[in-house]
Every structure is written in structure tokens, then in C-alpha cells.
Amino acid sequence: MRDTGERGVCGEEYPFGHRPGWRILFEPGRDDGFSPDEVELILEVTGEICPDVADYEFKSVLRWMSDFHRGRFAPAFPPEQRATVHEPATNSIPVETPP
């Protein structure tokens, strides 16, 4: 199962009947294959290219997963910057300190 908004890398285009299919490696290390119809219905293709992994040549699923675990695709999945808010609680209970 993929999470909405999960980033992925296309590693292979392969024949899917008389049309192409694509193998996608997702950020947590899961991979899946997609038909053109599935790509249109399920994925949001951004067209972004990560130069550090653009030259990768897909050989096999086992090799691909091994390369993922060795960090080969880490540049394509940099940690996302998330905004955090640190504000004092408005409903805090006052604490009395002993004299």
C-alpha cells in the first residue's frame, strides 16, 4: 500500500501487452509496476528528475532493491522539511513551586 503523496523513482519501462508499463520504487522501499491506465488513475507524475539517480540502469528487481538498501536512491528522497509550531499551551495549569 502506498501513501498519498509518497515520492517515487521510475526505474524501468517494460512491455505491458501492446503498451508500456513502468516499475516505480517508492520512498520507503516498496516497488510496484503500473500500466498506462493505472498511472493516469493512481499516480501524480511530476516530471522531476534527480540528476544523481538519472543514470541508473535497471538490471533486476533483486539488484534494484539491494541498491535501494545501500542508499543508491537516497538523493531522490531527501528528508522533507516540515513546518513545526512551538507555542505555549493556552490551557496550561500553573505550577506552584515550594517556598
N, C-alpha and C. Protein backbone atom coordinates (compact mmCIF):
# COMPACT_ATOMS: atom_id res chain seq x y z
N MET A 1 0.84 -1.18 0.00
CA MET A 1 0.00 0.00 0.00
C MET A 1 0.89 1.25 0.00
N ARG A 2 0.55 2.19 -0.84
CA ARG A 2 1.29 3.44 -0.92
C ARG A 2 0.52 4.53 -0.22
N ASP A 3 1.25 5.44 0.36
CA ASP A 3 0.63 6.59 0.99
C ASP A 3 0.44 7.69 -0.05
N THR A 4 -0.61 8.44 0.10
CA THR A 4 -0.85 9.57 -0.79
C THR A 4 0.31 10.55 -0.67
N GLY A 5 0.80 10.98 -1.81
CA GLY A 5 1.90 11.94 -1.81
C GLY A 5 3.27 11.31 -1.67
N GLU A 6 3.35 10.00 -1.62
CA GLU A 6 4.63 9.32 -1.48
C GLU A 6 5.45 9.51 -2.75
N ARG A 7 6.72 9.84 -2.59
CA ARG A 7 7.59 10.07 -3.73
C ARG A 7 8.08 8.75 -4.30
N GLY A 8 8.40 8.74 -5.60
CA GLY A 8 8.87 7.52 -6.24
C GLY A 8 9.84 7.82 -7.36
N VAL A 9 10.55 6.76 -7.77
CA VAL A 9 11.51 6.84 -8.86
C VAL A 9 11.12 5.79 -9.89
N CYS A 10 11.05 6.18 -11.15
CA CYS A 10 10.77 5.22 -12.21
C CYS A 10 12.09 4.55 -12.58
N GLY A 11 12.12 3.23 -12.43
CA GLY A 11 13.36 2.52 -12.70
C GLY A 11 13.38 1.76 -14.00
N GLU A 12 12.19 1.49 -14.54
CA GLU A 12 12.17 0.66 -15.73
C GLU A 12 10.88 0.91 -16.51
N GLU A 13 11.01 0.94 -17.81
CA GLU A 13 9.85 0.89 -18.70
C GLU A 13 9.91 -0.49 -19.36
N TYR A 14 8.80 -1.21 -19.35
CA TYR A 14 8.79 -2.56 -19.89
C TYR A 14 7.52 -2.78 -20.71
N PRO A 15 7.53 -3.79 -21.59
CA PRO A 15 6.33 -4.06 -22.39
C PRO A 15 5.21 -4.59 -21.50
N PHE A 16 4.02 -4.04 -21.65
CA PHE A 16 2.84 -4.44 -20.90
C PHE A 16 1.75 -4.71 -21.95
N GLY A 17 1.77 -5.91 -22.50
CA GLY A 17 0.91 -6.19 -23.64
C GLY A 17 1.43 -5.40 -24.82
N HIS A 18 0.55 -4.64 -25.45
CA HIS A 18 0.95 -3.81 -26.59
C HIS A 18 1.24 -2.38 -26.17
N ARG A 19 1.32 -2.16 -24.86
CA ARG A 19 1.59 -0.82 -24.33
C ARG A 19 2.75 -0.89 -23.35
N PRO A 20 3.28 0.26 -22.95
CA PRO A 20 4.37 0.24 -21.96
C PRO A 20 3.83 0.08 -20.54
N GLY A 21 4.68 -0.39 -19.67
CA GLY A 21 4.41 -0.42 -18.24
C GLY A 21 5.62 0.18 -17.55
N TRP A 22 5.44 0.63 -16.32
CA TRP A 22 6.56 1.26 -15.60
C TRP A 22 6.68 0.68 -14.21
N ARG A 23 7.92 0.44 -13.79
CA ARG A 23 8.21 -0.02 -12.44
C ARG A 23 8.67 1.19 -11.64
N ILE A 24 7.98 1.40 -10.50
CA ILE A 24 8.26 2.56 -9.65
C ILE A 24 8.76 2.08 -8.29
N LEU A 25 9.82 2.69 -7.81
CA LEU A 25 10.35 2.44 -6.47
C LEU A 25 9.90 3.60 -5.59
N PHE A 26 9.17 3.29 -4.53
CA PHE A 26 8.67 4.33 -3.64
C PHE A 26 9.61 4.57 -2.48
N GLU A 27 9.49 5.73 -1.92
CA GLU A 27 10.39 6.24 -0.87
C GLU A 27 10.69 5.25 0.25
N PRO A 28 9.70 4.51 0.79
CA PRO A 28 10.01 3.58 1.88
C PRO A 28 10.67 2.28 1.41
N GLY A 29 10.84 2.10 0.08
CA GLY A 29 11.50 0.90 -0.43
C GLY A 29 10.56 -0.10 -1.08
N ARG A 30 9.30 0.24 -1.19
CA ARG A 30 8.36 -0.65 -1.89
C ARG A 30 8.43 -0.34 -3.37
N ASP A 31 8.21 -1.38 -4.18
CA ASP A 31 8.15 -1.12 -5.62
C ASP A 31 6.89 -1.76 -6.18
N ASP A 32 6.48 -1.26 -7.34
CA ASP A 32 5.27 -1.75 -7.97
C ASP A 32 5.33 -1.42 -9.45
N GLY A 33 4.59 -2.17 -10.24
CA GLY A 33 4.50 -1.91 -11.67
C GLY A 33 3.15 -1.32 -12.00
N PHE A 34 3.13 -0.47 -13.02
CA PHE A 34 1.91 0.24 -13.38
C PHE A 34 1.69 0.24 -14.88
N SER A 35 0.45 0.03 -15.29
CA SER A 35 0.05 0.17 -16.68
C SER A 35 -0.21 1.64 -16.95
N PRO A 36 -0.35 2.03 -18.22
CA PRO A 36 -0.68 3.43 -18.51
C PRO A 36 -1.97 3.88 -17.84
N ASP A 37 -2.98 3.01 -17.80
CA ASP A 37 -4.24 3.37 -17.15
C ASP A 37 -4.06 3.59 -15.65
N GLU A 38 -3.26 2.72 -15.02
CA GLU A 38 -3.01 2.87 -13.58
C GLU A 38 -2.24 4.14 -13.28
N VAL A 39 -1.27 4.47 -14.14
CA VAL A 39 -0.51 5.70 -13.95
C VAL A 39 -1.45 6.89 -13.97
N GLU A 40 -2.36 6.90 -14.94
CA GLU A 40 -3.30 8.03 -15.07
C GLU A 40 -4.24 8.12 -13.88
N LEU A 41 -4.70 6.98 -13.37
CA LEU A 41 -5.67 6.97 -12.27
C LEU A 41 -5.05 7.14 -10.89
N ILE A 42 -3.84 6.60 -10.70
CA ILE A 42 -3.29 6.48 -9.35
C ILE A 42 -2.15 7.45 -9.05
N LEU A 43 -1.28 7.66 -10.01
CA LEU A 43 -0.05 8.41 -9.75
C LEU A 43 -0.14 9.86 -10.19
N GLU A 44 0.61 10.69 -9.51
CA GLU A 44 0.79 12.07 -9.93
C GLU A 44 2.22 12.18 -10.46
N VAL A 45 2.36 12.25 -11.76
CA VAL A 45 3.68 12.31 -12.38
C VAL A 45 4.12 13.77 -12.41
N THR A 46 5.23 14.06 -11.72
CA THR A 46 5.70 15.44 -11.61
C THR A 46 6.68 15.81 -12.71
N GLY A 47 7.36 14.83 -13.26
CA GLY A 47 8.38 15.11 -14.27
C GLY A 47 9.71 15.55 -13.68
N GLU A 48 9.80 15.61 -12.35
CA GLU A 48 11.07 15.99 -11.71
C GLU A 48 12.11 14.91 -11.97
N ILE A 49 13.33 15.34 -12.18
CA ILE A 49 14.43 14.41 -12.43
C ILE A 49 15.51 14.67 -11.39
N CYS A 50 15.95 13.60 -10.74
CA CYS A 50 17.06 13.70 -9.79
C CYS A 50 18.33 13.33 -10.54
N PRO A 51 19.21 14.30 -10.80
CA PRO A 51 20.41 14.02 -11.58
C PRO A 51 21.28 12.91 -10.99
N ASP A 52 21.26 12.76 -9.66
CA ASP A 52 22.10 11.75 -9.01
C ASP A 52 21.66 10.32 -9.27
N VAL A 53 20.42 10.12 -9.70
CA VAL A 53 19.95 8.76 -9.98
C VAL A 53 19.47 8.60 -11.42
N ALA A 54 19.52 9.66 -12.21
CA ALA A 54 19.00 9.63 -13.59
C ALA A 54 19.75 8.63 -14.47
N ASP A 55 21.00 8.36 -14.14
CA ASP A 55 21.79 7.45 -14.98
C ASP A 55 21.68 5.98 -14.54
N TYR A 56 20.82 5.69 -13.57
CA TYR A 56 20.70 4.32 -13.07
C TYR A 56 20.16 3.39 -14.16
N GLU A 57 20.78 2.23 -14.31
CA GLU A 57 20.33 1.23 -15.28
C GLU A 57 19.73 0.05 -14.54
N PHE A 58 18.43 -0.15 -14.73
CA PHE A 58 17.72 -1.26 -14.09
C PHE A 58 18.23 -2.58 -14.66
N LYS A 59 18.62 -3.51 -13.77
CA LYS A 59 19.09 -4.83 -14.19
C LYS A 59 18.10 -5.92 -13.77
N SER A 60 17.66 -5.86 -12.51
CA SER A 60 16.71 -6.84 -11.97
C SER A 60 16.10 -6.26 -10.71
N VAL A 61 14.97 -6.82 -10.29
CA VAL A 61 14.31 -6.35 -9.07
C VAL A 61 15.22 -6.58 -7.86
N LEU A 62 15.88 -7.74 -7.80
CA LEU A 62 16.77 -8.02 -6.66
C LEU A 62 17.89 -7.00 -6.57
N ARG A 63 18.49 -6.69 -7.70
CA ARG A 63 19.58 -5.71 -7.71
C ARG A 63 19.05 -4.33 -7.34
N TRP A 64 17.88 -4.00 -7.85
CA TRP A 64 17.26 -2.70 -7.59
C TRP A 64 17.02 -2.51 -6.10
N MET A 65 16.46 -3.55 -5.46
CA MET A 65 16.19 -3.46 -4.03
C MET A 65 17.49 -3.40 -3.23
N SER A 66 18.47 -4.16 -3.65
CA SER A 66 19.77 -4.13 -2.99
C SER A 66 20.39 -2.73 -3.10
N ASP A 67 20.32 -2.14 -4.27
CA ASP A 67 20.84 -0.79 -4.47
C ASP A 67 20.08 0.21 -3.61
N PHE A 68 18.77 0.02 -3.47
CA PHE A 68 17.98 0.91 -2.61
C PHE A 68 18.49 0.83 -1.17
N HIS A 69 18.67 -0.39 -0.66
CA HIS A 69 19.09 -0.56 0.73
C HIS A 69 20.52 -0.07 0.97
N ARG A 70 21.33 -0.02 -0.07
CA ARG A 70 22.69 0.53 0.05
C ARG A 70 22.69 2.05 -0.09
N GLY A 71 21.51 2.67 -0.33
CA GLY A 71 21.44 4.12 -0.38
C GLY A 71 21.58 4.74 -1.75
N ARG A 72 21.56 3.92 -2.80
CA ARG A 72 21.75 4.45 -4.16
C ARG A 72 20.70 5.50 -4.53
N PHE A 73 19.48 5.36 -4.01
CA PHE A 73 18.40 6.27 -4.38
C PHE A 73 18.14 7.35 -3.33
N ALA A 74 18.94 7.40 -2.29
CA ALA A 74 18.76 8.39 -1.23
C ALA A 74 18.71 9.83 -1.76
N PRO A 75 19.51 10.19 -2.77
CA PRO A 75 19.42 11.57 -3.26
C PRO A 75 18.04 11.93 -3.83
N ALA A 76 17.29 10.93 -4.28
CA ALA A 76 15.95 11.18 -4.82
C ALA A 76 14.92 11.37 -3.72
N PHE A 77 15.27 10.98 -2.51
CA PHE A 77 14.34 11.05 -1.39
C PHE A 77 14.93 11.82 -0.21
N PRO A 78 15.31 13.08 -0.43
CA PRO A 78 15.87 13.85 0.69
C PRO A 78 14.79 14.06 1.75
N PRO A 79 15.19 14.18 3.01
CA PRO A 79 14.19 14.44 4.05
C PRO A 79 13.40 15.70 3.72
N GLU A 80 12.11 15.60 3.87
CA GLU A 80 11.26 16.77 3.60
C GLU A 80 11.30 17.70 4.80
N GLN A 81 11.33 18.98 4.52
CA GLN A 81 11.29 19.98 5.57
C GLN A 81 9.83 20.18 5.97
N ARG A 82 9.53 19.93 7.20
CA ARG A 82 8.16 20.09 7.68
C ARG A 82 8.13 21.23 8.69
N ALA A 83 7.12 22.04 8.57
CA ALA A 83 6.97 23.16 9.50
C ALA A 83 6.50 22.64 10.85
N THR A 84 7.05 23.20 11.90
CA THR A 84 6.60 22.86 13.25
C THR A 84 6.28 24.16 13.97
N VAL A 85 5.35 24.08 14.86
CA VAL A 85 4.95 25.26 15.62
C VAL A 85 5.18 24.96 17.09
N HIS A 86 5.91 25.84 17.74
CA HIS A 86 6.17 25.70 19.17
C HIS A 86 5.57 26.91 19.89
N GLU A 87 4.41 26.72 20.42
CA GLU A 87 3.74 27.79 21.15
C GLU A 87 3.36 27.26 22.53
N PRO A 88 3.37 28.13 23.52
CA PRO A 88 2.94 27.67 24.84
C PRO A 88 1.47 27.29 24.82
N ALA A 89 1.14 26.27 25.57
CA ALA A 89 -0.25 25.82 25.65
C ALA A 89 -1.10 26.91 26.30
N THR A 90 -2.27 27.15 25.75
CA THR A 90 -3.14 28.20 26.30
C THR A 90 -3.95 27.68 27.48
N ASN A 91 -4.03 26.37 27.62
CA ASN A 91 -4.81 25.81 28.72
C ASN A 91 -3.91 25.14 29.76
N SER A 92 -2.72 25.66 29.94
CA SER A 92 -1.79 25.04 30.87
C SER A 92 -2.19 25.31 32.32
N ILE A 93 -1.85 24.39 33.16
CA ILE A 93 -2.15 24.50 34.59
C ILE A 93 -0.95 25.12 35.28
N PRO A 94 -1.14 26.20 36.03
CA PRO A 94 0.00 26.82 36.71
C PRO A 94 0.61 25.88 37.74
N VAL A 95 1.89 25.87 37.79
CA VAL A 95 2.59 25.02 38.76
C VAL A 95 3.19 25.91 39.84
N GLU A 96 2.87 25.57 41.09
CA GLU A 96 3.43 26.35 42.20
C GLU A 96 4.72 25.69 42.65
N THR A 97 5.70 26.50 42.88
CA THR A 97 6.97 25.99 43.37
C THR A 97 6.98 26.13 44.90
N PRO A 98 7.52 25.13 45.59
CA PRO A 98 7.56 25.23 47.04
C PRO A 98 8.46 26.37 47.49
N PRO A 99 8.16 26.98 48.65
CA PRO A 99 8.99 28.10 49.13
C PRO A 99 10.38 27.67 49.56
